[in-house]
Amino acid sequence: MTMLRDRYLLFISDNYPEYYNPDHATQKLKEKMIKHFGDCIQFWLPQASCMTKLVYSSGVDLGEAVEASCLILLAQTQAF
């Protein structure tokens, strides 16, 4: 959710600077996403408190979403 919030804020600052609010709450963004996507979006919070919430399409199995996020993280880590 943190990454989505950052991207959302960047989009707002680039396209609607008059509405930019750096203190926009993550929970408020989540509510907007649920309102827009409805049942097509899922949120999963791992039990490990050090991990962030995973947001994925409801058409994707949770295991697939976790695997894809791990592969992306691994690719990003290896790029550095």
C-alpha atoms as a PDB file:
ATOM      1  CA  MET A   1       0.000   0.000   0.000  1.00  0.00           C
ATOM      2  CA  THR A   2       2.881   2.358   0.685  1.00  0.00           C
ATOM      3  CA  MET A   3       4.147   2.042  -2.878  1.00  0.00           C
ATOM      4  CA  LEU A   4       0.640   2.607  -4.247  1.00  0.00           C
ATOM      5  CA  ARG A   5       0.212   5.649  -2.014  1.00  0.00           C
ATOM      6  CA  ASP A   6       3.523   7.085  -3.279  1.00  0.00           C
ATOM      7  CA  ARG A   7       2.514   6.518  -6.896  1.00  0.00           C
ATOM      8  CA  TYR A   8      -0.913   8.018  -6.246  1.00  0.00           C
ATOM      9  CA  LEU A   9       0.658  11.130  -4.707  1.00  0.00           C
ATOM     10  CA  LEU A  10       3.039  11.459  -7.652  1.00  0.00           C
ATOM     11  CA  PHE A  11       0.113  11.169 -10.077  1.00  0.00           C
ATOM     12  CA  ILE A  12      -1.876  13.811  -8.193  1.00  0.00           C
ATOM     13  CA  SER A  13       1.085  16.198  -7.947  1.00  0.00           C
ATOM     14  CA  ASP A  14       1.790  15.850 -11.692  1.00  0.00           C
ATOM     15  CA  ASN A  15      -1.802  16.037 -12.916  1.00  0.00           C
ATOM     16  CA  TYR A  16      -3.817  17.808 -10.216  1.00  0.00           C
ATOM     17  CA  PRO A  17      -1.343  19.837  -8.154  1.00  0.00           C
ATOM     18  CA  GLU A  18      -4.135  21.849  -6.557  1.00  0.00           C
ATOM     19  CA  TYR A  19      -5.370  18.628  -4.882  1.00  0.00           C
ATOM     20  CA  TYR A  20      -1.952  17.355  -3.800  1.00  0.00           C
ATOM     21  CA  ASN A  21      -1.842  16.469  -0.101  1.00  0.00           C
ATOM     22  CA  PRO A  22       1.391  14.835   1.117  1.00  0.00           C
ATOM     23  CA  ASP A  23      -0.456  13.711   4.256  1.00  0.00           C
ATOM     24  CA  HIS A  24      -3.060  11.711   2.318  1.00  0.00           C
ATOM     25  CA  ALA A  25      -3.789   8.635   4.431  1.00  0.00           C
ATOM     26  CA  THR A  26      -3.126   5.156   3.061  1.00  0.00           C
ATOM     27  CA  GLN A  27      -6.459   4.003   4.489  1.00  0.00           C
ATOM     28  CA  LYS A  28      -8.256   6.723   2.525  1.00  0.00           C
ATOM     29  CA  LEU A  29      -6.580   5.538  -0.685  1.00  0.00           C
ATOM     30  CA  LYS A  30      -7.584   1.961   0.127  1.00  0.00           C
ATOM     31  CA  GLU A  31     -11.195   3.080   0.515  1.00  0.00           C
ATOM     32  CA  LYS A  32     -11.049   4.872  -2.860  1.00  0.00           C
ATOM     33  CA  MET A  33      -9.639   1.746  -4.492  1.00  0.00           C
ATOM     34  CA  ILE A  34     -12.368  -0.453  -3.002  1.00  0.00           C
ATOM     35  CA  LYS A  35     -15.013   2.013  -4.158  1.00  0.00           C
ATOM     36  CA  HIS A  36     -13.570   2.055  -7.690  1.00  0.00           C
ATOM     37  CA  PHE A  37     -12.633  -1.633  -8.135  1.00  0.00           C
ATOM     38  CA  GLY A  38     -15.157  -3.282  -5.803  1.00  0.00           C
ATOM     39  CA  ASP A  39     -14.799  -7.069  -5.685  1.00  0.00           C
ATOM     40  CA  CYS A  40     -12.052  -7.019  -8.335  1.00  0.00           C
ATOM     41  CA  ILE A  41      -9.360  -6.076  -5.812  1.00  0.00           C
ATOM     42  CA  GLN A  42      -7.992  -7.935  -2.802  1.00  0.00           C
ATOM     43  CA  PHE A  43      -5.760  -6.927   0.089  1.00  0.00           C
ATOM     44  CA  TRP A  44      -3.594  -9.360   2.052  1.00  0.00           C
ATOM     45  CA  LEU A  45      -1.590  -8.514   5.155  1.00  0.00           C
ATOM     46  CA  PRO A  46       1.099 -11.069   6.030  1.00  0.00           C
ATOM     47  CA  GLN A  47       1.366 -12.151   9.662  1.00  0.00           C
ATOM     48  CA  ALA A  48       4.922 -10.807   9.807  1.00  0.00           C
ATOM     49  CA  SER A  49       4.516  -7.222  10.957  1.00  0.00           C
ATOM     50  CA  CYS A  50       7.632  -6.161   9.049  1.00  0.00           C
ATOM     51  CA  MET A  51       5.943  -6.875   5.720  1.00  0.00           C
ATOM     52  CA  THR A  52       3.627  -4.563   3.834  1.00  0.00           C
ATOM     53  CA  LYS A  53       0.112  -5.223   2.611  1.00  0.00           C
ATOM     54  CA  LEU A  54      -0.152  -6.912  -0.793  1.00  0.00           C
ATOM     55  CA  VAL A  55      -2.754  -5.576  -3.232  1.00  0.00           C
ATOM     56  CA  TYR A  56      -3.796  -7.793  -6.137  1.00  0.00           C
ATOM     57  CA  SER A  57      -6.606  -8.617  -8.537  1.00  0.00           C
ATOM     58  CA  SER A  58      -9.319 -10.908  -7.233  1.00  0.00           C
ATOM     59  CA  GLY A  59      -8.886 -12.901 -10.451  1.00  0.00           C
ATOM     60  CA  VAL A  60      -5.423 -13.979  -9.281  1.00  0.00           C
ATOM     61  CA  ASP A  61      -4.780 -16.694  -6.712  1.00  0.00           C
ATOM     62  CA  LEU A  62      -3.096 -15.419  -3.523  1.00  0.00           C
ATOM     63  CA  GLY A  63      -0.195 -17.816  -4.024  1.00  0.00           C
ATOM     64  CA  GLU A  64       0.405 -16.474  -7.528  1.00  0.00           C
ATOM     65  CA  ALA A  65       0.319 -12.891  -6.246  1.00  0.00           C
ATOM     66  CA  VAL A  66       2.834 -13.673  -3.499  1.00  0.00           C
ATOM     67  CA  GLU A  67       5.106 -15.515  -5.932  1.00  0.00           C
ATOM     68  CA  ALA A  68       4.977 -12.646  -8.442  1.00  0.00           C
ATOM     69  CA  SER A  69       5.768 -10.076  -5.754  1.00  0.00           C
ATOM     70  CA  CYS A  70       8.738 -12.182  -4.588  1.00  0.00           C
ATOM     71  CA  LEU A  71      10.071 -12.429  -8.137  1.00  0.00           C
ATOM     72  CA  ILE A  72       9.758  -8.661  -8.585  1.00  0.00           C
ATOM     73  CA  LEU A  73      11.525  -8.029  -5.287  1.00  0.00           C
ATOM     74  CA  LEU A  74      14.281 -10.451  -6.243  1.00  0.00           C
ATOM     75  CA  ALA A  75      14.744  -8.757  -9.632  1.00  0.00           C
ATOM     76  CA  GLN A  76      14.886  -5.321  -7.985  1.00  0.00           C
ATOM     77  CA  THR A  77      17.419  -6.561  -5.432  1.00  0.00           C
ATOM     78  CA  GLN A  78      19.653  -8.054  -8.128  1.00  0.00           C
ATOM     79  CA  ALA A  79      19.496  -4.824 -10.177  1.00  0.00           C
ATOM     80  CA  PHE A  80      21.380  -3.011  -7.422  1.00  0.00           C
END
